[in-house]
Amino acid sequence: MSWLERIVAAKRREIEALRDLPRRERRTPPRPHGLRRAGGEPLRLLAEVKLRSPSAGALSTVLSPGARARVYEDAGAAAVSVLCDGPFFGGAPEHLAAARAAVGLPVLAKEFVLDEVQLDHLAAFEADLVLLIVRCLAPEAVRALVAAARRRGLEPLVEVVDEREAAVALDAGAELVGVNARDLDTLRLDAARAARTIDALPASVVAIHLSGLAAPRDVSAVAATGAHAALVGEALMREDDPRALLRSLVSAARGDVPGADPGARTGSAQS
């Protein structure tokens, strides 16, 4: 099995365990995502908390999830993404709750969601947004989970890798579409494919570039596409103190490096 198939198999076992847990209620109202940018505005950056990954291995654990989220907010992130999967990414829903309690930013629960019971669980840990991955779901399941997330006050960010998967996301009513430059089966990066997919999305969609950003020039390149936001993960998580790196990426998103042109093509994607 591919690593994605192994994750999905493990997640199905977790889901059965979740059904036996007492229902917890959300304590705070969800925060709006604020990730859409108008023409001339900078690319928004989502900064990620994850302790390891199949592609990068072990990452920094010097800062707690809450402390790292505070650094991200201070350095200019627009939102925080938190890995909630334990066996493969070293995450936990408690990391989600800790990060959200530490900042005033919206927080994305990055999980492999297959069932509505997971949405109940993530909402109880105060998620504002939730990741739904088209590669893991049948088209009818994407539609059902998009609607189920919104009923719980969670805004779904639907992840795709190409135009075929993007069509599934759009048919499901996704308003936030994340385009992963990393193929989830092979783990290979293809920034050109991601850029083509982003620029093919309708202007009404908030397009978010996922994976593969490590330096200011990478952010500048994404800012010149139709993307409204981009997620930065492993590059920040390799740093015990990610403040300086994130500030340099935020500066690139604002156009403060040679060749950057944030907002130049925002809203120009064709439907």
C-alpha atoms as a PDB file:
ATOM      1  CA  MET A   1       0.000   0.000   0.000  1.00  0.00           C
ATOM      2  CA  SER A   2       1.031   3.605  -0.538  1.00  0.00           C
ATOM      3  CA  TRP A   3       1.578   5.711   2.579  1.00  0.00           C
ATOM      4  CA  LEU A   4      -1.763   7.437   1.926  1.00  0.00           C
ATOM      5  CA  GLU A   5      -3.547   4.081   1.821  1.00  0.00           C
ATOM      6  CA  ARG A   6      -1.892   3.137   5.111  1.00  0.00           C
ATOM      7  CA  ILE A   7      -3.019   6.392   6.707  1.00  0.00           C
ATOM      8  CA  VAL A   8      -6.605   5.906   5.524  1.00  0.00           C
ATOM      9  CA  ALA A   9      -6.669   2.330   6.842  1.00  0.00           C
ATOM     10  CA  ALA A  10      -5.419   3.507  10.243  1.00  0.00           C
ATOM     11  CA  LYS A  11      -7.910   6.371  10.231  1.00  0.00           C
ATOM     12  CA  ARG A  12     -10.831   3.981   9.747  1.00  0.00           C
ATOM     13  CA  ARG A  13      -9.786   2.195  12.933  1.00  0.00           C
ATOM     14  CA  GLU A  14      -9.570   5.524  14.773  1.00  0.00           C
ATOM     15  CA  ILE A  15     -13.063   6.450  13.628  1.00  0.00           C
ATOM     16  CA  GLU A  16     -14.556   3.406  15.306  1.00  0.00           C
ATOM     17  CA  ALA A  17     -12.832   4.389  18.557  1.00  0.00           C
ATOM     18  CA  LEU A  18     -14.146   7.951  18.260  1.00  0.00           C
ATOM     19  CA  ARG A  19     -17.723   6.689  18.116  1.00  0.00           C
ATOM     20  CA  ASP A  20     -17.338   5.353  21.662  1.00  0.00           C
ATOM     21  CA  LEU A  21     -16.116   8.656  23.148  1.00  0.00           C
ATOM     22  CA  PRO A  22     -18.517  10.978  25.020  1.00  0.00           C
ATOM     23  CA  ARG A  23     -19.701  13.883  22.882  1.00  0.00           C
ATOM     24  CA  ARG A  24     -17.908  17.158  23.694  1.00  0.00           C
ATOM     25  CA  GLU A  25     -19.347  20.564  22.867  1.00  0.00           C
ATOM     26  CA  ARG A  26     -17.541  23.458  21.274  1.00  0.00           C
ATOM     27  CA  ARG A  27     -16.887  26.302  23.739  1.00  0.00           C
ATOM     28  CA  THR A  28     -16.089  29.246  21.446  1.00  0.00           C
ATOM     29  CA  PRO A  29     -17.539  30.526  18.160  1.00  0.00           C
ATOM     30  CA  PRO A  30     -15.558  29.799  14.982  1.00  0.00           C
ATOM     31  CA  ARG A  31     -13.282  32.519  13.628  1.00  0.00           C
ATOM     32  CA  PRO A  32     -13.668  33.695  10.014  1.00  0.00           C
ATOM     33  CA  HIS A  33     -10.789  32.619   7.805  1.00  0.00           C
ATOM     34  CA  GLY A  34      -9.977  35.985   6.163  1.00  0.00           C
ATOM     35  CA  LEU A  35      -7.875  34.314   3.460  1.00  0.00           C
ATOM     36  CA  ARG A  36      -9.316  36.024   0.377  1.00  0.00           C
ATOM     37  CA  ARG A  37      -7.119  38.783  -1.035  1.00  0.00           C
ATOM     38  CA  ALA A  38      -8.238  41.580  -3.318  1.00  0.00           C
ATOM     39  CA  GLY A  39      -6.059  42.916  -6.107  1.00  0.00           C
ATOM     40  CA  GLY A  40      -2.881  44.497  -4.771  1.00  0.00           C
ATOM     41  CA  GLU A  41      -3.134  42.820  -1.380  1.00  0.00           C
ATOM     42  CA  PRO A  42      -0.412  40.436  -0.175  1.00  0.00           C
ATOM     43  CA  LEU A  43      -0.610  36.685  -0.330  1.00  0.00           C
ATOM     44  CA  ARG A  44      -1.850  35.317   3.002  1.00  0.00           C
ATOM     45  CA  LEU A  45       0.378  32.726   4.656  1.00  0.00           C
ATOM     46  CA  LEU A  46      -0.815  29.781   6.741  1.00  0.00           C
ATOM     47  CA  ALA A  47       1.946  28.492   9.024  1.00  0.00           C
ATOM     48  CA  GLU A  48       1.860  24.856  10.059  1.00  0.00           C
ATOM     49  CA  VAL A  49       2.458  22.945  13.269  1.00  0.00           C
ATOM     50  CA  LYS A  50       3.523  19.342  12.655  1.00  0.00           C
ATOM     51  CA  LEU A  51       6.100  17.264  14.434  1.00  0.00           C
ATOM     52  CA  ARG A  52       6.976  14.895  11.607  1.00  0.00           C
ATOM     53  CA  SER A  53       5.870  13.818   8.146  1.00  0.00           C
ATOM     54  CA  PRO A  54       6.386  10.913   5.744  1.00  0.00           C
ATOM     55  CA  SER A  55       8.408  13.150   3.417  1.00  0.00           C
ATOM     56  CA  ALA A  56      10.528  15.054   5.979  1.00  0.00           C
ATOM     57  CA  GLY A  57      10.795  12.674   8.927  1.00  0.00           C
ATOM     58  CA  ALA A  58      11.179  14.142  12.428  1.00  0.00           C
ATOM     59  CA  LEU A  59      10.826  17.907  12.754  1.00  0.00           C
ATOM     60  CA  SER A  60      11.465  20.383  15.571  1.00  0.00           C
ATOM     61  CA  THR A  61       9.787  19.873  18.934  1.00  0.00           C
ATOM     62  CA  VAL A  62      11.616  22.673  20.792  1.00  0.00           C
ATOM     63  CA  LEU A  63       8.489  24.845  20.852  1.00  0.00           C
ATOM     64  CA  SER A  64       5.163  23.527  22.081  1.00  0.00           C
ATOM     65  CA  PRO A  65       2.250  23.804  19.619  1.00  0.00           C
ATOM     66  CA  GLY A  66       0.897  26.806  21.513  1.00  0.00           C
ATOM     67  CA  ALA A  67       4.261  28.575  21.713  1.00  0.00           C
ATOM     68  CA  ARG A  68       4.949  27.935  18.023  1.00  0.00           C
ATOM     69  CA  ALA A  69       1.523  29.290  17.078  1.00  0.00           C
ATOM     70  CA  ARG A  70       2.290  32.482  19.033  1.00  0.00           C
ATOM     71  CA  VAL A  71       5.568  32.883  17.139  1.00  0.00           C
ATOM     72  CA  TYR A  72       3.702  32.418  13.852  1.00  0.00           C
ATOM     73  CA  GLU A  73       1.157  35.075  14.784  1.00  0.00           C
ATOM     74  CA  ASP A  74       3.887  37.498  15.862  1.00  0.00           C
ATOM     75  CA  ALA A  75       5.782  36.932  12.594  1.00  0.00           C
ATOM     76  CA  GLY A  76       2.763  37.775  10.429  1.00  0.00           C
ATOM     77  CA  ALA A  77       0.951  34.537   9.623  1.00  0.00           C
ATOM     78  CA  ALA A  78      -2.702  34.906   8.580  1.00  0.00           C
ATOM     79  CA  ALA A  79      -3.724  31.508   9.978  1.00  0.00           C
ATOM     80  CA  VAL A  80      -2.271  28.457  11.699  1.00  0.00           C
ATOM     81  CA  SER A  81      -2.559  24.896  10.400  1.00  0.00           C
ATOM     82  CA  VAL A  82      -2.244  22.046  12.903  1.00  0.00           C
ATOM     83  CA  LEU A  83      -1.663  18.378  12.102  1.00  0.00           C
ATOM     84  CA  CYS A  84      -4.021  16.268  14.166  1.00  0.00           C
ATOM     85  CA  ASP A  85      -2.929  12.803  13.008  1.00  0.00           C
ATOM     86  CA  GLY A  86      -0.793  10.984  15.567  1.00  0.00           C
ATOM     87  CA  PRO A  87       0.722   7.824  14.055  1.00  0.00           C
ATOM     88  CA  PHE A  88       2.111   9.397  10.885  1.00  0.00           C
ATOM     89  CA  PHE A  89       2.539  13.089  11.751  1.00  0.00           C
ATOM     90  CA  GLY A  90       3.055  13.166  15.518  1.00  0.00           C
ATOM     91  CA  GLY A  91      -0.012  15.357  15.912  1.00  0.00           C
ATOM     92  CA  ALA A  92      -3.025  15.368  18.222  1.00  0.00           C
ATOM     93  CA  PRO A  93      -6.289  17.276  18.567  1.00  0.00           C
ATOM     94  CA  GLU A  94      -4.846  18.651  21.807  1.00  0.00           C
ATOM     95  CA  HIS A  95      -2.211  20.431  19.668  1.00  0.00           C
ATOM     96  CA  LEU A  96      -5.088  22.051  17.788  1.00  0.00           C
ATOM     97  CA  ALA A  97      -6.732  23.266  20.978  1.00  0.00           C
ATOM     98  CA  ALA A  98      -3.430  24.545  22.393  1.00  0.00           C
ATOM     99  CA  ALA A  99      -2.582  26.480  19.232  1.00  0.00           C
ATOM    100  CA  ARG A 100      -6.003  28.070  19.010  1.00  0.00           C
ATOM    101  CA  ALA A 101      -6.006  29.074  22.673  1.00  0.00           C
ATOM    102  CA  ALA A 102      -2.647  30.786  22.173  1.00  0.00           C
ATOM    103  CA  VAL A 103      -3.550  33.024  19.232  1.00  0.00           C
ATOM    104  CA  GLY A 104      -6.316  35.153  17.779  1.00  0.00           C
ATOM    105  CA  LEU A 105      -5.868  33.687  14.290  1.00  0.00           C
ATOM    106  CA  PRO A 106      -8.155  31.155  12.609  1.00  0.00           C
ATOM    107  CA  VAL A 107      -6.864  27.600  12.978  1.00  0.00           C
ATOM    108  CA  LEU A 108      -7.097  24.823  10.396  1.00  0.00           C
ATOM    109  CA  ALA A 109      -7.486  21.236  11.588  1.00  0.00           C
ATOM    110  CA  LYS A 110      -5.338  19.234   9.179  1.00  0.00           C
ATOM    111  CA  GLU A 111      -6.670  15.711   9.388  1.00  0.00           C
ATOM    112  CA  PHE A 112      -7.640  12.841   7.101  1.00  0.00           C
ATOM    113  CA  VAL A 113     -11.402  13.205   7.457  1.00  0.00           C
ATOM    114  CA  LEU A 114     -13.519  10.274   6.291  1.00  0.00           C
ATOM    115  CA  ASP A 115     -16.537  10.483   8.598  1.00  0.00           C
ATOM    116  CA  GLU A 116     -18.740  13.103  10.276  1.00  0.00           C
ATOM    117  CA  VAL A 117     -17.749  11.876  13.731  1.00  0.00           C
ATOM    118  CA  GLN A 118     -14.284  13.311  13.090  1.00  0.00           C
ATOM    119  CA  LEU A 119     -15.868  16.700  12.402  1.00  0.00           C
ATOM    120  CA  ASP A 120     -17.627  16.574  15.782  1.00  0.00           C
ATOM    121  CA  HIS A 121     -14.303  15.762  17.436  1.00  0.00           C
ATOM    122  CA  LEU A 122     -12.370  18.545  15.678  1.00  0.00           C
ATOM    123  CA  ALA A 123     -15.073  21.119  16.382  1.00  0.00           C
ATOM    124  CA  ALA A 124     -14.914  20.202  20.068  1.00  0.00           C
ATOM    125  CA  PHE A 125     -11.183  20.983  19.968  1.00  0.00           C
ATOM    126  CA  GLU A 126     -12.024  24.455  18.595  1.00  0.00           C
ATOM    127  CA  ALA A 127     -11.098  24.118  14.914  1.00  0.00           C
ATOM    128  CA  ASP A 128     -12.202  26.971  12.655  1.00  0.00           C
ATOM    129  CA  LEU A 129     -11.416  25.296   9.341  1.00  0.00           C
ATOM    130  CA  VAL A 130     -11.096  21.636   8.474  1.00  0.00           C
ATOM    131  CA  LEU A 131      -9.196  19.908   5.684  1.00  0.00           C
ATOM    132  CA  LEU A 132     -11.058  17.551   3.342  1.00  0.00           C
ATOM    133  CA  ILE A 133      -8.852  15.641   0.874  1.00  0.00           C
ATOM    134  CA  VAL A 134     -10.466  14.667  -2.432  1.00  0.00           C
ATOM    135  CA  ARG A 135      -7.886  11.900  -2.986  1.00  0.00           C
ATOM    136  CA  CYS A 136      -9.223  10.124   0.125  1.00  0.00           C
ATOM    137  CA  LEU A 137     -12.929  10.395  -0.656  1.00  0.00           C
ATOM    138  CA  ALA A 138     -15.558   9.478  -3.219  1.00  0.00           C
ATOM    139  CA  PRO A 139     -17.174  12.537  -4.887  1.00  0.00           C
ATOM    140  CA  GLU A 140     -20.442  11.999  -3.022  1.00  0.00           C
ATOM    141  CA  ALA A 141     -18.525  11.843   0.271  1.00  0.00           C
ATOM    142  CA  VAL A 142     -16.833  15.163  -0.509  1.00  0.00           C
ATOM    143  CA  ARG A 143     -20.246  16.774  -1.038  1.00  0.00           C
ATOM    144  CA  ALA A 144     -21.629  15.260   2.158  1.00  0.00           C
ATOM    145  CA  LEU A 145     -18.645  16.264   4.297  1.00  0.00           C
ATOM    146  CA  VAL A 146     -18.545  19.830   2.937  1.00  0.00           C
ATOM    147  CA  ALA A 147     -22.168  20.252   4.015  1.00  0.00           C
ATOM    148  CA  ALA A 148     -21.603  18.456   7.333  1.00  0.00           C
ATOM    149  CA  ALA A 149     -18.605  20.656   8.173  1.00  0.00           C
ATOM    150  CA  ARG A 150     -20.590  23.835   7.566  1.00  0.00           C
ATOM    151  CA  ARG A 151     -23.435  22.591   9.772  1.00  0.00           C
ATOM    152  CA  ARG A 152     -20.867  22.450  12.582  1.00  0.00           C
ATOM    153  CA  GLY A 153     -19.518  25.933  11.889  1.00  0.00           C
ATOM    154  CA  LEU A 154     -16.342  24.584  10.277  1.00  0.00           C
ATOM    155  CA  GLU A 155     -15.250  26.033   6.942  1.00  0.00           C
ATOM    156  CA  PRO A 156     -14.003  23.192   4.707  1.00  0.00           C
ATOM    157  CA  LEU A 157     -10.735  23.613   2.866  1.00  0.00           C
ATOM    158  CA  VAL A 158     -10.936  21.015   0.101  1.00  0.00           C
ATOM    159  CA  GLU A 159      -7.553  19.734  -1.051  1.00  0.00           C
ATOM    160  CA  VAL A 160      -6.896  18.718  -4.671  1.00  0.00           C
ATOM    161  CA  VAL A 161      -3.833  18.011  -6.790  1.00  0.00           C
ATOM    162  CA  ASP A 162      -5.084  18.636 -10.336  1.00  0.00           C
ATOM    163  CA  GLU A 163      -7.976  19.974 -12.393  1.00  0.00           C
ATOM    164  CA  ARG A 164      -9.886  16.699 -12.310  1.00  0.00           C
ATOM    165  CA  GLU A 165      -9.934  16.730  -8.517  1.00  0.00           C
ATOM    166  CA  ALA A 166     -10.665  20.458  -8.534  1.00  0.00           C
ATOM    167  CA  ALA A 167     -13.847  19.732 -10.485  1.00  0.00           C
ATOM    168  CA  VAL A 168     -14.949  17.399  -7.670  1.00  0.00           C
ATOM    169  CA  ALA A 169     -14.274  20.115  -5.086  1.00  0.00           C
ATOM    170  CA  LEU A 170     -16.210  22.725  -7.038  1.00  0.00           C
ATOM    171  CA  ASP A 171     -19.136  20.367  -7.595  1.00  0.00           C
ATOM    172  CA  ALA A 172     -19.245  19.857  -3.812  1.00  0.00           C
ATOM    173  CA  GLY A 173     -19.593  23.609  -3.275  1.00  0.00           C
ATOM    174  CA  ALA A 174     -16.085  24.229  -1.926  1.00  0.00           C
ATOM    175  CA  GLU A 175     -15.247  27.901  -1.451  1.00  0.00           C
ATOM    176  CA  LEU A 176     -11.704  27.256  -0.182  1.00  0.00           C
ATOM    177  CA  VAL A 177      -9.714  24.996  -2.514  1.00  0.00           C
ATOM    178  CA  GLY A 178      -6.196  23.959  -1.552  1.00  0.00           C
ATOM    179  CA  VAL A 179      -4.003  22.828  -4.432  1.00  0.00           C
ATOM    180  CA  ASN A 180      -1.258  20.515  -3.225  1.00  0.00           C
ATOM    181  CA  ALA A 181       1.979  20.734  -5.185  1.00  0.00           C
ATOM    182  CA  ARG A 182       2.909  17.359  -3.645  1.00  0.00           C
ATOM    183  CA  ASP A 183       1.208  14.292  -5.096  1.00  0.00           C
ATOM    184  CA  LEU A 184      -0.175  12.360  -2.140  1.00  0.00           C
ATOM    185  CA  ASP A 185       0.576   8.964  -3.635  1.00  0.00           C
ATOM    186  CA  THR A 186       4.126   9.522  -4.890  1.00  0.00           C
ATOM    187  CA  LEU A 187       5.139  12.448  -2.579  1.00  0.00           C
ATOM    188  CA  ARG A 188       6.715  14.162  -5.607  1.00  0.00           C
ATOM    189  CA  LEU A 189       6.445  17.942  -5.942  1.00  0.00           C
ATOM    190  CA  ASP A 190       5.199  19.605  -9.125  1.00  0.00           C
ATOM    191  CA  ALA A 191       4.872  23.370  -8.684  1.00  0.00           C
ATOM    192  CA  ALA A 192       3.989  23.904 -12.342  1.00  0.00           C
ATOM    193  CA  ARG A 193       1.007  21.554 -12.098  1.00  0.00           C
ATOM    194  CA  ALA A 194      -0.148  23.329  -8.942  1.00  0.00           C
ATOM    195  CA  ALA A 195       0.100  26.744 -10.625  1.00  0.00           C
ATOM    196  CA  ARG A 196      -1.916  25.535 -13.637  1.00  0.00           C
ATOM    197  CA  THR A 197      -4.593  24.108 -11.374  1.00  0.00           C
ATOM    198  CA  ILE A 198      -4.814  27.284  -9.297  1.00  0.00           C
ATOM    199  CA  ASP A 199      -5.107  29.492 -12.359  1.00  0.00           C
ATOM    200  CA  ALA A 200      -7.891  27.288 -13.762  1.00  0.00           C
ATOM    201  CA  LEU A 201     -10.075  27.841 -10.678  1.00  0.00           C
ATOM    202  CA  PRO A 202     -12.927  30.370 -10.884  1.00  0.00           C
ATOM    203  CA  ALA A 203     -12.279  33.776  -9.371  1.00  0.00           C
ATOM    204  CA  SER A 204     -15.039  33.163  -6.799  1.00  0.00           C
ATOM    205  CA  VAL A 205     -12.915  30.469  -5.131  1.00  0.00           C
ATOM    206  CA  VAL A 206     -10.252  31.201  -2.515  1.00  0.00           C
ATOM    207  CA  ALA A 207      -7.311  29.246  -3.944  1.00  0.00           C
ATOM    208  CA  ILE A 208      -4.592  28.130  -1.532  1.00  0.00           C
ATOM    209  CA  HIS A 209      -1.224  26.729  -2.574  1.00  0.00           C
ATOM    210  CA  LEU A 210      -0.113  23.779  -0.438  1.00  0.00           C
ATOM    211  CA  SER A 211       3.412  22.319  -0.037  1.00  0.00           C
ATOM    212  CA  GLY A 212       6.852  23.018  -1.391  1.00  0.00           C
ATOM    213  CA  LEU A 213       7.497  26.549  -0.090  1.00  0.00           C
ATOM    214  CA  ALA A 214      10.813  27.055   1.676  1.00  0.00           C
ATOM    215  CA  ALA A 215      12.279  30.421   0.649  1.00  0.00           C
ATOM    216  CA  PRO A 216      11.120  33.946  -0.228  1.00  0.00           C
ATOM    217  CA  ARG A 217      11.496  33.275  -3.957  1.00  0.00           C
ATOM    218  CA  ASP A 218       9.016  30.374  -3.640  1.00  0.00           C
ATOM    219  CA  VAL A 219       6.461  32.660  -2.004  1.00  0.00           C
ATOM    220  CA  SER A 220       7.025  35.330  -4.667  1.00  0.00           C
ATOM    221  CA  ALA A 221       6.322  32.763  -7.395  1.00  0.00           C
ATOM    222  CA  VAL A 222       3.042  31.703  -5.773  1.00  0.00           C
ATOM    223  CA  ALA A 223       2.038  35.331  -5.169  1.00  0.00           C
ATOM    224  CA  ALA A 224       2.237  35.875  -8.934  1.00  0.00           C
ATOM    225  CA  THR A 225      -0.394  33.173  -9.572  1.00  0.00           C
ATOM    226  CA  GLY A 226      -4.106  33.371  -8.833  1.00  0.00           C
ATOM    227  CA  ALA A 227      -3.560  32.060  -5.296  1.00  0.00           C
ATOM    228  CA  HIS A 228      -5.021  33.990  -2.392  1.00  0.00           C
ATOM    229  CA  ALA A 229      -2.988  32.165   0.256  1.00  0.00           C
ATOM    230  CA  ALA A 230      -0.255  29.588   0.691  1.00  0.00           C
ATOM    231  CA  LEU A 231       0.633  27.100   3.387  1.00  0.00           C
ATOM    232  CA  VAL A 232       4.189  26.787   4.686  1.00  0.00           C
ATOM    233  CA  GLY A 233       4.962  23.702   6.726  1.00  0.00           C
ATOM    234  CA  GLU A 234       8.190  21.716   6.738  1.00  0.00           C
ATOM    235  CA  ALA A 235      10.518  24.677   6.194  1.00  0.00           C
ATOM    236  CA  LEU A 236       9.176  26.374   9.327  1.00  0.00           C
ATOM    237  CA  MET A 237       9.077  23.135  11.304  1.00  0.00           C
ATOM    238  CA  ARG A 238      12.786  22.516  10.678  1.00  0.00           C
ATOM    239  CA  GLU A 239      13.500  25.721  12.606  1.00  0.00           C
ATOM    240  CA  ASP A 240      13.635  25.667  16.407  1.00  0.00           C
ATOM    241  CA  ASP A 241      12.808  29.383  16.190  1.00  0.00           C
ATOM    242  CA  PRO A 242      10.911  30.000  12.912  1.00  0.00           C
ATOM    243  CA  ARG A 243      10.372  33.712  13.481  1.00  0.00           C
ATOM    244  CA  ALA A 244      13.075  35.057  11.135  1.00  0.00           C
ATOM    245  CA  LEU A 245      12.217  32.671   8.307  1.00  0.00           C
ATOM    246  CA  LEU A 246       8.499  33.363   8.503  1.00  0.00           C
ATOM    247  CA  ARG A 247       9.080  37.113   8.564  1.00  0.00           C
ATOM    248  CA  SER A 248      11.148  36.815   5.385  1.00  0.00           C
ATOM    249  CA  LEU A 249       8.359  34.816   3.736  1.00  0.00           C
ATOM    250  CA  VAL A 250       5.733  37.350   4.829  1.00  0.00           C
ATOM    251  CA  SER A 251       7.904  40.121   3.359  1.00  0.00           C
ATOM    252  CA  ALA A 252       8.051  38.216   0.073  1.00  0.00           C
ATOM    253  CA  ALA A 253       4.270  37.842   0.125  1.00  0.00           C
ATOM    254  CA  ARG A 254       4.030  41.631   0.463  1.00  0.00           C
ATOM    255  CA  GLY A 255       6.347  42.185  -2.483  1.00  0.00           C
ATOM    256  CA  ASP A 256       9.332  43.300  -0.429  1.00  0.00           C
ATOM    257  CA  VAL A 257      11.825  41.194  -2.396  1.00  0.00           C
ATOM    258  CA  PRO A 258      13.020  41.654  -6.007  1.00  0.00           C
ATOM    259  CA  GLY A 259      10.671  40.085  -8.516  1.00  0.00           C
ATOM    260  CA  ALA A 260       7.707  39.733  -6.161  1.00  0.00           C
ATOM    261  CA  ASP A 261       4.353  40.916  -7.487  1.00  0.00           C
ATOM    262  CA  PRO A 262       1.703  40.035  -4.911  1.00  0.00           C
ATOM    263  CA  GLY A 263      -1.849  40.429  -6.072  1.00  0.00           C
ATOM    264  CA  ALA A 264      -0.857  40.965  -9.709  1.00  0.00           C
ATOM    265  CA  ARG A 265      -3.054  38.127 -10.888  1.00  0.00           C
ATOM    266  CA  THR A 266      -5.477  37.817  -7.994  1.00  0.00           C
ATOM    267  CA  GLY A 267      -8.955  37.321  -9.355  1.00  0.00           C
ATOM    268  CA  SER A 268      -7.635  36.698 -12.867  1.00  0.00           C
ATOM    269  CA  ALA A 269      -8.207  32.935 -12.836  1.00  0.00           C
ATOM    270  CA  GLN A 270     -10.639  31.804 -15.465  1.00  0.00           C
ATOM    271  CA  SER A 271     -13.737  29.776 -14.697  1.00  0.00           C
END
